[in-house]
Amino acid sequence: MSDTKKVAIVTGASQGLGEGIVQGFRARGYGVIATSRSIRPSTDPDLITVAGDIGDPDTGKRLVTAAVEKFGRVDTLVNNAGIFIGKPFTEYTEEDYRLKLRTNLDGFFFTTQQVIPVMLKQGSGHVVQITASTAEFASSLSPAFIAMLTKGGMNAATKSLAIEYVKRGIRVNAVAPGVIKTPMHSPENYDALATFHPMNKVGDIEDIVRAVLYLEDAAFTTGEILHVDGGLIAGR
């Protein structure tokens, strides 16, 4: 068993925000369990990779088993795995709907449900969701019903869990990004996407990593939805 001081599990960790969050925790000396469907084996002894579909209940079990066997604890869970499908409401297919719910909600539910008992036994822990400002900001120019359904549900669940476990040592928060420069977006679209934000710019992965790490340190903060969205939540 490793003597690493703290341990984080990060989902959707093979690229983009998840990969950046993994690097942020490793830079702090955390042991990390990282997962995605296509994640590669790690050569870092304190970074354990677990390939799997986050919507499968067994994946959450395997993540917690790996963390406990290697490090003996789980201090932080970052529920980052998620997909975005934006289209008019009547054009969504059943496949779109099922895929979004499986990745965004099933992954959040089953993984968090496996992690919480470990944190309760420790008497401490922190759960962070990566949601989206689009969950709270409806736009006729960019319809995103399923994002609002799933990410909005995660925002509400964040507050529910925060209150349920507030007296038992577990904090629960969320980061709600705007449009971020990740593999989800082509660079040639950045200028057009920037106009979605009052700041007229697209965010960087590091902006979200800093937000997650801020919440990690914010010991008096729980139930918070931290918007990192170029001012979008304030209005347009």
C-alpha atoms as a PDB file:
ATOM      1  CA  MET A   1       0.000   0.000   0.000  1.00  0.00           C
ATOM      2  CA  SER A   2       1.325   3.451  -0.922  1.00  0.00           C
ATOM      3  CA  ASP A   3       2.092   6.151   1.659  1.00  0.00           C
ATOM      4  CA  THR A   4       0.636   8.871  -0.618  1.00  0.00           C
ATOM      5  CA  LYS A   5      -1.113  11.395   1.604  1.00  0.00           C
ATOM      6  CA  LYS A   6      -4.321  11.991  -0.369  1.00  0.00           C
ATOM      7  CA  VAL A   7      -6.123  10.156  -3.155  1.00  0.00           C
ATOM      8  CA  ALA A   8      -8.445  11.301  -5.931  1.00  0.00           C
ATOM      9  CA  ILE A   9     -10.608   9.392  -8.406  1.00  0.00           C
ATOM     10  CA  VAL A  10     -11.182  11.208 -11.709  1.00  0.00           C
ATOM     11  CA  THR A  11     -13.646   9.979 -14.341  1.00  0.00           C
ATOM     12  CA  GLY A  12     -13.517  10.810 -18.043  1.00  0.00           C
ATOM     13  CA  ALA A  13      -9.782  11.163 -17.557  1.00  0.00           C
ATOM     14  CA  SER A  14      -8.158  10.240 -20.859  1.00  0.00           C
ATOM     15  CA  GLN A  15      -8.243  13.713 -22.447  1.00  0.00           C
ATOM     16  CA  GLY A  16      -9.520  17.264 -22.111  1.00  0.00           C
ATOM     17  CA  LEU A  17     -10.750  18.408 -18.711  1.00  0.00           C
ATOM     18  CA  GLY A  18     -10.281  15.007 -17.077  1.00  0.00           C
ATOM     19  CA  GLU A  19      -6.667  14.694 -18.171  1.00  0.00           C
ATOM     20  CA  GLY A  20      -5.964  18.225 -16.933  1.00  0.00           C
ATOM     21  CA  ILE A  21      -7.605  17.518 -13.570  1.00  0.00           C
ATOM     22  CA  VAL A  22      -5.532  14.356 -13.167  1.00  0.00           C
ATOM     23  CA  GLN A  23      -2.361  16.355 -13.820  1.00  0.00           C
ATOM     24  CA  GLY A  24      -3.473  19.010 -11.334  1.00  0.00           C
ATOM     25  CA  PHE A  25      -3.907  16.464  -8.548  1.00  0.00           C
ATOM     26  CA  ARG A  26      -0.682  14.663  -9.364  1.00  0.00           C
ATOM     27  CA  ALA A  27       1.199  17.972  -9.223  1.00  0.00           C
ATOM     28  CA  ARG A  28      -0.044  18.244  -5.642  1.00  0.00           C
ATOM     29  CA  GLY A  29       1.262  14.787  -4.813  1.00  0.00           C
ATOM     30  CA  TYR A  30      -2.099  13.037  -4.743  1.00  0.00           C
ATOM     31  CA  GLY A  31      -2.389   9.433  -5.758  1.00  0.00           C
ATOM     32  CA  VAL A  32      -4.910   9.259  -8.600  1.00  0.00           C
ATOM     33  CA  ILE A  33      -7.228   6.600  -9.984  1.00  0.00           C
ATOM     34  CA  ALA A  34      -8.159   7.687 -13.517  1.00  0.00           C
ATOM     35  CA  THR A  35     -10.768   6.110 -15.759  1.00  0.00           C
ATOM     36  CA  SER A  36     -12.313   6.295 -19.215  1.00  0.00           C
ATOM     37  CA  ARG A  37     -13.234   3.802 -21.897  1.00  0.00           C
ATOM     38  CA  SER A  38      -9.995   4.337 -23.798  1.00  0.00           C
ATOM     39  CA  ILE A  39      -7.525   5.302 -21.078  1.00  0.00           C
ATOM     40  CA  ARG A  40      -4.023   3.942 -21.529  1.00  0.00           C
ATOM     41  CA  PRO A  41      -1.915   2.095 -18.957  1.00  0.00           C
ATOM     42  CA  SER A  42       0.152   4.366 -16.714  1.00  0.00           C
ATOM     43  CA  THR A  43       3.891   4.270 -16.086  1.00  0.00           C
ATOM     44  CA  ASP A  44       3.471   6.497 -13.008  1.00  0.00           C
ATOM     45  CA  PRO A  45       3.235   4.289  -9.881  1.00  0.00           C
ATOM     46  CA  ASP A  46       0.901   6.790  -8.186  1.00  0.00           C
ATOM     47  CA  LEU A  47      -1.428   7.096 -11.188  1.00  0.00           C
ATOM     48  CA  ILE A  48      -3.578   4.001 -11.644  1.00  0.00           C
ATOM     49  CA  THR A  49      -5.676   3.781 -14.802  1.00  0.00           C
ATOM     50  CA  VAL A  50      -8.865   1.731 -15.015  1.00  0.00           C
ATOM     51  CA  ALA A  51     -10.475   1.306 -18.432  1.00  0.00           C
ATOM     52  CA  GLY A  52     -14.255   1.025 -18.381  1.00  0.00           C
ATOM     53  CA  ASP A  53     -17.652   2.423 -19.290  1.00  0.00           C
ATOM     54  CA  ILE A  54     -18.567   4.836 -16.507  1.00  0.00           C
ATOM     55  CA  GLY A  55     -22.262   4.052 -17.055  1.00  0.00           C
ATOM     56  CA  ASP A  56     -21.648   0.447 -16.004  1.00  0.00           C
ATOM     57  CA  PRO A  57     -22.187   0.015 -12.238  1.00  0.00           C
ATOM     58  CA  ASP A  58     -19.206  -2.344 -12.122  1.00  0.00           C
ATOM     59  CA  THR A  59     -16.825   0.435 -13.185  1.00  0.00           C
ATOM     60  CA  GLY A  60     -17.473   2.419 -10.002  1.00  0.00           C
ATOM     61  CA  LYS A  61     -16.818  -0.696  -7.940  1.00  0.00           C
ATOM     62  CA  ARG A  62     -13.529  -1.335  -9.737  1.00  0.00           C
ATOM     63  CA  LEU A  63     -12.398   2.267  -9.226  1.00  0.00           C
ATOM     64  CA  VAL A  64     -12.963   2.150  -5.483  1.00  0.00           C
ATOM     65  CA  THR A  65     -11.369  -1.287  -5.191  1.00  0.00           C
ATOM     66  CA  ALA A  66      -8.291  -0.047  -7.034  1.00  0.00           C
ATOM     67  CA  ALA A  67      -8.048   3.047  -4.827  1.00  0.00           C
ATOM     68  CA  VAL A  68      -8.405   1.154  -1.559  1.00  0.00           C
ATOM     69  CA  GLU A  69      -6.056  -1.659  -2.574  1.00  0.00           C
ATOM     70  CA  LYS A  70      -3.341   0.726  -3.776  1.00  0.00           C
ATOM     71  CA  PHE A  71      -3.703   3.706  -1.434  1.00  0.00           C
ATOM     72  CA  GLY A  72      -6.045   2.630   1.371  1.00  0.00           C
ATOM     73  CA  ARG A  73      -8.434   5.584   1.021  1.00  0.00           C
ATOM     74  CA  VAL A  74     -10.399   7.941  -1.255  1.00  0.00           C
ATOM     75  CA  ASP A  75     -10.284  11.648  -0.396  1.00  0.00           C
ATOM     76  CA  THR A  76     -11.799  13.150  -3.539  1.00  0.00           C
ATOM     77  CA  LEU A  77     -14.039  12.022  -6.369  1.00  0.00           C
ATOM     78  CA  VAL A  78     -14.260  14.180  -9.495  1.00  0.00           C
ATOM     79  CA  ASN A  79     -17.271  13.166 -11.580  1.00  0.00           C
ATOM     80  CA  ASN A  80     -16.026  14.593 -14.860  1.00  0.00           C
ATOM     81  CA  ALA A  81     -17.212  12.021 -17.410  1.00  0.00           C
ATOM     82  CA  GLY A  82     -19.905  13.403 -19.658  1.00  0.00           C
ATOM     83  CA  ILE A  83     -20.953  13.986 -23.240  1.00  0.00           C
ATOM     84  CA  PHE A  84     -22.764  16.861 -24.956  1.00  0.00           C
ATOM     85  CA  ILE A  85     -25.296  16.466 -27.754  1.00  0.00           C
ATOM     86  CA  GLY A  86     -26.848  19.759 -28.786  1.00  0.00           C
ATOM     87  CA  LYS A  87     -29.796  19.775 -31.180  1.00  0.00           C
ATOM     88  CA  PRO A  88     -33.451  20.835 -31.310  1.00  0.00           C
ATOM     89  CA  PHE A  89     -35.598  18.901 -28.824  1.00  0.00           C
ATOM     90  CA  THR A  90     -37.665  16.990 -31.404  1.00  0.00           C
ATOM     91  CA  GLU A  91     -34.518  15.858 -33.245  1.00  0.00           C
ATOM     92  CA  TYR A  92     -33.092  13.925 -30.311  1.00  0.00           C
ATOM     93  CA  THR A  93     -33.214  10.185 -30.857  1.00  0.00           C
ATOM     94  CA  GLU A  94     -33.787   7.544 -28.239  1.00  0.00           C
ATOM     95  CA  GLU A  95     -30.136   6.588 -28.714  1.00  0.00           C
ATOM     96  CA  ASP A  96     -29.061  10.182 -27.928  1.00  0.00           C
ATOM     97  CA  TYR A  97     -31.218  10.190 -24.820  1.00  0.00           C
ATOM     98  CA  ARG A  98     -30.091   6.803 -23.489  1.00  0.00           C
ATOM     99  CA  LEU A  99     -26.421   7.535 -24.164  1.00  0.00           C
ATOM    100  CA  LYS A 100     -26.514  10.879 -22.369  1.00  0.00           C
ATOM    101  CA  LEU A 101     -28.318   9.500 -19.335  1.00  0.00           C
ATOM    102  CA  ARG A 102     -25.994   6.504 -19.138  1.00  0.00           C
ATOM    103  CA  THR A 103     -22.820   8.583 -19.278  1.00  0.00           C
ATOM    104  CA  ASN A 104     -23.870  11.728 -17.431  1.00  0.00           C
ATOM    105  CA  LEU A 105     -26.261  10.413 -14.776  1.00  0.00           C
ATOM    106  CA  ASP A 106     -25.601   6.682 -14.395  1.00  0.00           C
ATOM    107  CA  GLY A 107     -21.865   7.324 -14.175  1.00  0.00           C
ATOM    108  CA  PHE A 108     -22.366   9.997 -11.530  1.00  0.00           C
ATOM    109  CA  PHE A 109     -24.830   7.893  -9.519  1.00  0.00           C
ATOM    110  CA  PHE A 110     -23.078   4.535  -9.466  1.00  0.00           C
ATOM    111  CA  THR A 111     -19.553   5.883  -8.914  1.00  0.00           C
ATOM    112  CA  THR A 112     -20.562   8.293  -6.154  1.00  0.00           C
ATOM    113  CA  GLN A 113     -22.591   5.581  -4.426  1.00  0.00           C
ATOM    114  CA  GLN A 114     -19.474   3.396  -4.263  1.00  0.00           C
ATOM    115  CA  VAL A 115     -17.227   6.198  -2.991  1.00  0.00           C
ATOM    116  CA  ILE A 116     -19.424   7.638  -0.223  1.00  0.00           C
ATOM    117  CA  PRO A 117     -19.170   4.599   2.132  1.00  0.00           C
ATOM    118  CA  VAL A 118     -15.362   4.803   2.003  1.00  0.00           C
ATOM    119  CA  MET A 119     -15.478   8.505   2.850  1.00  0.00           C
ATOM    120  CA  LEU A 120     -17.952   7.895   5.673  1.00  0.00           C
ATOM    121  CA  LYS A 121     -15.626   5.305   7.175  1.00  0.00           C
ATOM    122  CA  GLN A 122     -12.766   7.832   6.980  1.00  0.00           C
ATOM    123  CA  GLY A 123     -14.944  10.634   8.333  1.00  0.00           C
ATOM    124  CA  SER A 124     -13.941  12.930   5.478  1.00  0.00           C
ATOM    125  CA  GLY A 125     -14.170  13.366   1.719  1.00  0.00           C
ATOM    126  CA  HIS A 126     -14.980  15.677  -1.173  1.00  0.00           C
ATOM    127  CA  VAL A 127     -17.135  14.969  -4.230  1.00  0.00           C
ATOM    128  CA  VAL A 128     -17.007  17.364  -7.189  1.00  0.00           C
ATOM    129  CA  GLN A 129     -19.165  17.256 -10.301  1.00  0.00           C
ATOM    130  CA  ILE A 130     -18.262  18.905 -13.614  1.00  0.00           C
ATOM    131  CA  THR A 131     -21.619  20.174 -14.843  1.00  0.00           C
ATOM    132  CA  ALA A 132     -22.268  23.051 -17.304  1.00  0.00           C
ATOM    133  CA  SER A 133     -23.519  26.609 -17.319  1.00  0.00           C
ATOM    134  CA  THR A 134     -25.876  25.592 -20.121  1.00  0.00           C
ATOM    135  CA  ALA A 135     -27.768  23.650 -17.447  1.00  0.00           C
ATOM    136  CA  GLU A 136     -28.987  26.997 -16.097  1.00  0.00           C
ATOM    137  CA  PHE A 137     -28.851  29.295 -19.118  1.00  0.00           C
ATOM    138  CA  ALA A 138     -31.372  28.464 -21.799  1.00  0.00           C
ATOM    139  CA  SER A 139     -30.673  29.879 -25.265  1.00  0.00           C
ATOM    140  CA  SER A 140     -32.770  29.718 -28.406  1.00  0.00           C
ATOM    141  CA  LEU A 141     -29.523  29.938 -30.375  1.00  0.00           C
ATOM    142  CA  SER A 142     -28.090  26.807 -28.777  1.00  0.00           C
ATOM    143  CA  PRO A 143     -30.788  24.360 -27.654  1.00  0.00           C
ATOM    144  CA  ALA A 144     -29.427  21.765 -25.240  1.00  0.00           C
ATOM    145  CA  PHE A 145     -32.359  20.035 -23.560  1.00  0.00           C
ATOM    146  CA  ILE A 146     -30.537  16.874 -22.514  1.00  0.00           C
ATOM    147  CA  ALA A 147     -27.626  18.870 -21.096  1.00  0.00           C
ATOM    148  CA  MET A 148     -30.114  20.803 -18.982  1.00  0.00           C
ATOM    149  CA  LEU A 149     -31.837  17.579 -17.946  1.00  0.00           C
ATOM    150  CA  THR A 150     -28.651  15.751 -16.944  1.00  0.00           C
ATOM    151  CA  LYS A 151     -26.267  18.492 -15.844  1.00  0.00           C
ATOM    152  CA  GLY A 152     -29.099  20.413 -14.203  1.00  0.00           C
ATOM    153  CA  GLY A 153     -29.990  17.241 -12.341  1.00  0.00           C
ATOM    154  CA  MET A 154     -26.388  16.921 -11.181  1.00  0.00           C
ATOM    155  CA  ASN A 155     -26.435  20.494  -9.906  1.00  0.00           C
ATOM    156  CA  ALA A 156     -29.555  19.758  -7.861  1.00  0.00           C
ATOM    157  CA  ALA A 157     -28.095  16.453  -6.645  1.00  0.00           C
ATOM    158  CA  THR A 158     -24.920  18.251  -5.587  1.00  0.00           C
ATOM    159  CA  LYS A 159     -26.911  20.403  -3.148  1.00  0.00           C
ATOM    160  CA  SER A 160     -28.923  17.422  -1.953  1.00  0.00           C
ATOM    161  CA  LEU A 161     -25.823  15.345  -1.177  1.00  0.00           C
ATOM    162  CA  ALA A 162     -24.066  18.327   0.383  1.00  0.00           C
ATOM    163  CA  ILE A 163     -26.844  18.704   2.930  1.00  0.00           C
ATOM    164  CA  GLU A 164     -27.266  14.968   3.491  1.00  0.00           C
ATOM    165  CA  TYR A 165     -23.597  14.530   4.417  1.00  0.00           C
ATOM    166  CA  VAL A 166     -22.673  17.972   5.755  1.00  0.00           C
ATOM    167  CA  LYS A 167     -22.453  16.751   9.371  1.00  0.00           C
ATOM    168  CA  ARG A 168     -20.547  13.593   8.465  1.00  0.00           C
ATOM    169  CA  GLY A 169     -17.384  15.132   7.062  1.00  0.00           C
ATOM    170  CA  ILE A 170     -18.156  14.987   3.350  1.00  0.00           C
ATOM    171  CA  ARG A 171     -18.340  18.091   1.174  1.00  0.00           C
ATOM    172  CA  VAL A 172     -20.064  18.064  -2.227  1.00  0.00           C
ATOM    173  CA  ASN A 173     -19.601  20.778  -4.858  1.00  0.00           C
ATOM    174  CA  ALA A 174     -19.730  21.319  -8.613  1.00  0.00           C
ATOM    175  CA  VAL A 175     -17.908  23.305 -11.286  1.00  0.00           C
ATOM    176  CA  ALA A 176     -20.086  24.596 -14.130  1.00  0.00           C
ATOM    177  CA  PRO A 177     -17.947  25.481 -17.162  1.00  0.00           C
ATOM    178  CA  GLY A 178     -18.803  27.516 -20.196  1.00  0.00           C
ATOM    179  CA  VAL A 179     -17.174  26.588 -23.515  1.00  0.00           C
ATOM    180  CA  ILE A 180     -13.635  25.328 -22.892  1.00  0.00           C
ATOM    181  CA  LYS A 181     -10.838  24.545 -25.351  1.00  0.00           C
ATOM    182  CA  THR A 182     -11.002  20.757 -25.320  1.00  0.00           C
ATOM    183  CA  PRO A 183     -11.032  18.060 -28.029  1.00  0.00           C
ATOM    184  CA  MET A 184     -14.844  18.464 -28.025  1.00  0.00           C
ATOM    185  CA  HIS A 185     -14.414  21.668 -30.053  1.00  0.00           C
ATOM    186  CA  SER A 186     -12.391  22.319 -33.216  1.00  0.00           C
ATOM    187  CA  PRO A 187      -9.972  25.268 -32.943  1.00  0.00           C
ATOM    188  CA  GLU A 188     -11.457  26.834 -36.078  1.00  0.00           C
ATOM    189  CA  ASN A 189     -14.711  27.259 -34.127  1.00  0.00           C
ATOM    190  CA  TYR A 190     -13.199  29.058 -31.122  1.00  0.00           C
ATOM    191  CA  ASP A 191     -13.926  32.574 -32.401  1.00  0.00           C
ATOM    192  CA  ALA A 192     -17.581  31.757 -33.003  1.00  0.00           C
ATOM    193  CA  LEU A 193     -17.890  29.962 -29.653  1.00  0.00           C
ATOM    194  CA  ALA A 194     -16.289  32.901 -27.848  1.00  0.00           C
ATOM    195  CA  THR A 195     -19.318  35.067 -28.647  1.00  0.00           C
ATOM    196  CA  PHE A 196     -21.414  32.827 -26.392  1.00  0.00           C
ATOM    197  CA  HIS A 197     -19.669  34.378 -23.367  1.00  0.00           C
ATOM    198  CA  PRO A 198     -19.867  38.005 -22.209  1.00  0.00           C
ATOM    199  CA  MET A 199     -16.053  37.989 -21.945  1.00  0.00           C
ATOM    200  CA  ASN A 200     -15.939  37.124 -25.665  1.00  0.00           C
ATOM    201  CA  LYS A 201     -13.350  34.406 -25.140  1.00  0.00           C
ATOM    202  CA  VAL A 202     -13.206  30.639 -24.765  1.00  0.00           C
ATOM    203  CA  GLY A 203     -11.917  29.164 -21.513  1.00  0.00           C
ATOM    204  CA  ASP A 204      -8.828  27.013 -21.059  1.00  0.00           C
ATOM    205  CA  ILE A 205      -8.605  23.608 -19.394  1.00  0.00           C
ATOM    206  CA  GLU A 206      -6.449  25.188 -16.688  1.00  0.00           C
ATOM    207  CA  ASP A 207      -9.369  27.461 -15.735  1.00  0.00           C
ATOM    208  CA  ILE A 208     -11.387  24.391 -14.755  1.00  0.00           C
ATOM    209  CA  VAL A 209      -8.452  22.668 -13.053  1.00  0.00           C
ATOM    210  CA  ARG A 210      -7.915  25.751 -10.871  1.00  0.00           C
ATOM    211  CA  ALA A 211     -11.617  25.803  -9.986  1.00  0.00           C
ATOM    212  CA  VAL A 212     -11.585  22.146  -8.931  1.00  0.00           C
ATOM    213  CA  LEU A 213      -8.464  22.678  -6.833  1.00  0.00           C
ATOM    214  CA  TYR A 214      -9.953  25.808  -5.286  1.00  0.00           C
ATOM    215  CA  LEU A 215     -12.963  23.795  -4.125  1.00  0.00           C
ATOM    216  CA  GLU A 216     -10.606  21.101  -2.885  1.00  0.00           C
ATOM    217  CA  ASP A 217      -9.043  23.671  -0.554  1.00  0.00           C
ATOM    218  CA  ALA A 218     -12.285  25.466   0.378  1.00  0.00           C
ATOM    219  CA  ALA A 219     -12.977  23.655   3.635  1.00  0.00           C
ATOM    220  CA  PHE A 220     -15.918  25.938   4.530  1.00  0.00           C
ATOM    221  CA  THR A 221     -17.653  25.433   1.155  1.00  0.00           C
ATOM    222  CA  THR A 222     -20.219  22.775   0.319  1.00  0.00           C
ATOM    223  CA  GLY A 223     -23.250  22.697  -1.953  1.00  0.00           C
ATOM    224  CA  GLU A 224     -21.582  25.260  -4.232  1.00  0.00           C
ATOM    225  CA  ILE A 225     -22.058  25.439  -8.027  1.00  0.00           C
ATOM    226  CA  LEU A 226     -18.941  27.343  -9.113  1.00  0.00           C
ATOM    227  CA  HIS A 227     -19.466  28.908 -12.547  1.00  0.00           C
ATOM    228  CA  VAL A 228     -16.372  29.222 -14.727  1.00  0.00           C
ATOM    229  CA  ASP A 229     -18.054  30.524 -17.851  1.00  0.00           C
ATOM    230  CA  GLY A 230     -16.780  33.927 -18.923  1.00  0.00           C
ATOM    231  CA  GLY A 231     -19.656  35.670 -17.174  1.00  0.00           C
ATOM    232  CA  LEU A 232     -22.413  33.711 -18.918  1.00  0.00           C
ATOM    233  CA  ILE A 233     -24.349  32.961 -15.734  1.00  0.00           C
ATOM    234  CA  ALA A 234     -24.584  36.696 -14.960  1.00  0.00           C
ATOM    235  CA  GLY A 235     -26.466  37.403 -18.190  1.00  0.00           C
ATOM    236  CA  ARG A 236     -25.902  38.687 -21.705  1.00  0.00           C
END
